[in-house]
């Protein structure tokens, strides 16, 4: 059996235009008077993105501010990739190890 490891997902259209983030932690389900279930919070269209020229510090600040596990990297509105908080943390640890060995 397989399981989902990610909690937050970067959402694009078919042309790779960044639309926002979907977070499994932020989805809520409500049952209306007509007994229909409605999902809220599916795509956060206000979720920030960074440019490839932005610092890892900026990316981490946005991840913490918006409570996602990653931030999209875009260029002219198109998705180029994403940076995960653990990648930033691992990079920081590697830099600290290098500083301590010199």
C-alpha atoms as a PDB file:
ATOM      1  CA  UNK A   1       0.000   0.000   0.000  1.00  0.00           C
ATOM      2  CA  UNK A   2       1.163   3.542  -0.688  1.00  0.00           C
ATOM      3  CA  UNK A   3       0.691   6.610   1.420  1.00  0.00           C
ATOM      4  CA  UNK A   4       0.854  10.321   0.747  1.00  0.00           C
ATOM      5  CA  UNK A   5       3.993  11.845   2.231  1.00  0.00           C
ATOM      6  CA  UNK A   6       3.333  15.449   1.242  1.00  0.00           C
ATOM      7  CA  UNK A   7       0.848  17.621   3.067  1.00  0.00           C
ATOM      8  CA  UNK A   8       0.954  20.706   0.834  1.00  0.00           C
ATOM      9  CA  UNK A   9       0.752  20.674  -2.956  1.00  0.00           C
ATOM     10  CA  UNK A  10       1.688  23.289  -5.561  1.00  0.00           C
ATOM     11  CA  UNK A  11      -1.223  23.843  -7.981  1.00  0.00           C
ATOM     12  CA  UNK A  12      -0.817  24.946 -11.621  1.00  0.00           C
ATOM     13  CA  UNK A  13      -2.981  25.015 -14.701  1.00  0.00           C
ATOM     14  CA  UNK A  14      -2.159  22.898 -17.776  1.00  0.00           C
ATOM     15  CA  UNK A  15       0.309  25.572 -18.951  1.00  0.00           C
ATOM     16  CA  UNK A  16       2.258  25.449 -15.659  1.00  0.00           C
ATOM     17  CA  UNK A  17       0.884  28.845 -14.550  1.00  0.00           C
ATOM     18  CA  UNK A  18       1.056  28.928 -10.755  1.00  0.00           C
ATOM     19  CA  UNK A  19      -2.423  29.061  -9.182  1.00  0.00           C
ATOM     20  CA  UNK A  20      -1.715  28.556  -5.492  1.00  0.00           C
ATOM     21  CA  UNK A  21      -1.291  25.885  -2.831  1.00  0.00           C
ATOM     22  CA  UNK A  22      -3.500  23.063  -1.620  1.00  0.00           C
ATOM     23  CA  UNK A  23      -2.966  21.989   1.988  1.00  0.00           C
ATOM     24  CA  UNK A  24      -4.482  18.795   3.343  1.00  0.00           C
ATOM     25  CA  UNK A  25      -4.177  20.313   6.835  1.00  0.00           C
ATOM     26  CA  UNK A  26      -6.335  23.316   5.902  1.00  0.00           C
ATOM     27  CA  UNK A  27      -9.256  21.590   4.177  1.00  0.00           C
ATOM     28  CA  UNK A  28     -12.496  21.663   6.123  1.00  0.00           C
ATOM     29  CA  UNK A  29     -15.724  19.869   5.317  1.00  0.00           C
ATOM     30  CA  UNK A  30     -19.114  21.303   6.234  1.00  0.00           C
ATOM     31  CA  UNK A  31     -22.547  19.784   5.835  1.00  0.00           C
ATOM     32  CA  UNK A  32     -25.210  22.228   4.719  1.00  0.00           C
ATOM     33  CA  UNK A  33     -28.958  22.231   5.393  1.00  0.00           C
ATOM     34  CA  UNK A  34     -29.468  20.254   2.177  1.00  0.00           C
ATOM     35  CA  UNK A  35     -27.115  17.557   3.563  1.00  0.00           C
ATOM     36  CA  UNK A  36     -24.609  18.280   0.789  1.00  0.00           C
ATOM     37  CA  UNK A  37     -20.968  18.258   1.783  1.00  0.00           C
ATOM     38  CA  UNK A  38     -18.918  21.285   0.803  1.00  0.00           C
ATOM     39  CA  UNK A  39     -15.139  21.533   0.821  1.00  0.00           C
ATOM     40  CA  UNK A  40     -13.572  24.844   1.780  1.00  0.00           C
ATOM     41  CA  UNK A  41     -10.027  25.961   1.524  1.00  0.00           C
ATOM     42  CA  UNK A  42      -9.154  23.775  -1.443  1.00  0.00           C
ATOM     43  CA  UNK A  43      -6.729  26.144  -3.204  1.00  0.00           C
ATOM     44  CA  UNK A  44      -5.084  29.087  -1.474  1.00  0.00           C
ATOM     45  CA  UNK A  45      -4.751  31.493  -4.387  1.00  0.00           C
ATOM     46  CA  UNK A  46      -2.960  33.990  -2.132  1.00  0.00           C
ATOM     47  CA  UNK A  47      -0.133  31.589  -1.346  1.00  0.00           C
ATOM     48  CA  UNK A  48       3.162  33.307  -2.119  1.00  0.00           C
ATOM     49  CA  UNK A  49       5.874  32.207  -4.486  1.00  0.00           C
ATOM     50  CA  UNK A  50       9.531  33.113  -4.852  1.00  0.00           C
ATOM     51  CA  UNK A  51      11.746  33.773  -7.853  1.00  0.00           C
ATOM     52  CA  UNK A  52      14.821  31.650  -8.516  1.00  0.00           C
ATOM     53  CA  UNK A  53      16.925  34.704  -7.635  1.00  0.00           C
ATOM     54  CA  UNK A  54      15.351  35.087  -4.158  1.00  0.00           C
ATOM     55  CA  UNK A  55      17.288  33.971  -1.091  1.00  0.00           C
ATOM     56  CA  UNK A  56      16.610  30.789   0.831  1.00  0.00           C
ATOM     57  CA  UNK A  57      16.012  33.041   3.834  1.00  0.00           C
ATOM     58  CA  UNK A  58      13.106  34.728   2.008  1.00  0.00           C
ATOM     59  CA  UNK A  59      11.687  31.335   1.012  1.00  0.00           C
ATOM     60  CA  UNK A  60      11.862  30.081   4.596  1.00  0.00           C
ATOM     61  CA  UNK A  61      10.214  33.226   5.974  1.00  0.00           C
ATOM     62  CA  UNK A  62       7.286  32.738   3.562  1.00  0.00           C
ATOM     63  CA  UNK A  63       7.006  29.037   4.427  1.00  0.00           C
ATOM     64  CA  UNK A  64       6.800  29.906   8.120  1.00  0.00           C
ATOM     65  CA  UNK A  65       4.490  32.893   7.634  1.00  0.00           C
ATOM     66  CA  UNK A  66       1.969  30.985   5.515  1.00  0.00           C
ATOM     67  CA  UNK A  67       2.344  27.624   7.314  1.00  0.00           C
ATOM     68  CA  UNK A  68       3.209  25.475   4.293  1.00  0.00           C
ATOM     69  CA  UNK A  69       5.914  22.826   3.988  1.00  0.00           C
ATOM     70  CA  UNK A  70       7.129  24.306   0.699  1.00  0.00           C
ATOM     71  CA  UNK A  71       7.019  27.424  -1.477  1.00  0.00           C
ATOM     72  CA  UNK A  72       6.655  27.542  -5.259  1.00  0.00           C
ATOM     73  CA  UNK A  73       9.486  28.899  -7.398  1.00  0.00           C
ATOM     74  CA  UNK A  74       8.107  30.817 -10.378  1.00  0.00           C
ATOM     75  CA  UNK A  75       9.369  32.808 -13.314  1.00  0.00           C
ATOM     76  CA  UNK A  76       6.924  35.152 -15.072  1.00  0.00           C
ATOM     77  CA  UNK A  77       4.078  33.415 -13.222  1.00  0.00           C
ATOM     78  CA  UNK A  78       5.051  29.943 -14.455  1.00  0.00           C
ATOM     79  CA  UNK A  79       6.102  27.198 -12.072  1.00  0.00           C
ATOM     80  CA  UNK A  80       9.788  26.265 -12.250  1.00  0.00           C
ATOM     81  CA  UNK A  81       9.787  24.085  -9.132  1.00  0.00           C
ATOM     82  CA  UNK A  82       9.483  24.404  -5.397  1.00  0.00           C
ATOM     83  CA  UNK A  83      11.650  24.596  -2.302  1.00  0.00           C
ATOM     84  CA  UNK A  84      10.753  22.506   0.731  1.00  0.00           C
ATOM     85  CA  UNK A  85      11.449  23.637   4.282  1.00  0.00           C
ATOM     86  CA  UNK A  86      13.479  20.499   4.931  1.00  0.00           C
ATOM     87  CA  UNK A  87      15.671  21.241   1.884  1.00  0.00           C
ATOM     88  CA  UNK A  88      16.425  24.698   3.276  1.00  0.00           C
ATOM     89  CA  UNK A  89      17.138  23.216   6.698  1.00  0.00           C
ATOM     90  CA  UNK A  90      19.440  20.540   5.228  1.00  0.00           C
ATOM     91  CA  UNK A  91      21.320  23.199   3.229  1.00  0.00           C
ATOM     92  CA  UNK A  92      21.764  25.241   6.403  1.00  0.00           C
ATOM     93  CA  UNK A  93      23.088  22.197   8.280  1.00  0.00           C
ATOM     94  CA  UNK A  94      25.574  21.442   5.490  1.00  0.00           C
ATOM     95  CA  UNK A  95      26.818  25.040   5.566  1.00  0.00           C
ATOM     96  CA  UNK A  96      27.224  24.850   9.343  1.00  0.00           C
ATOM     97  CA  UNK A  97      29.226  21.619   9.015  1.00  0.00           C
ATOM     98  CA  UNK A  98      31.514  23.264   6.461  1.00  0.00           C
ATOM     99  CA  UNK A  99      32.059  26.278   8.722  1.00  0.00           C
ATOM    100  CA  UNK A 100      32.870  24.044  11.687  1.00  0.00           C
ATOM    101  CA  UNK A 101      35.468  22.007   9.760  1.00  0.00           C
ATOM    102  CA  UNK A 102      37.423  25.101   8.675  1.00  0.00           C
END
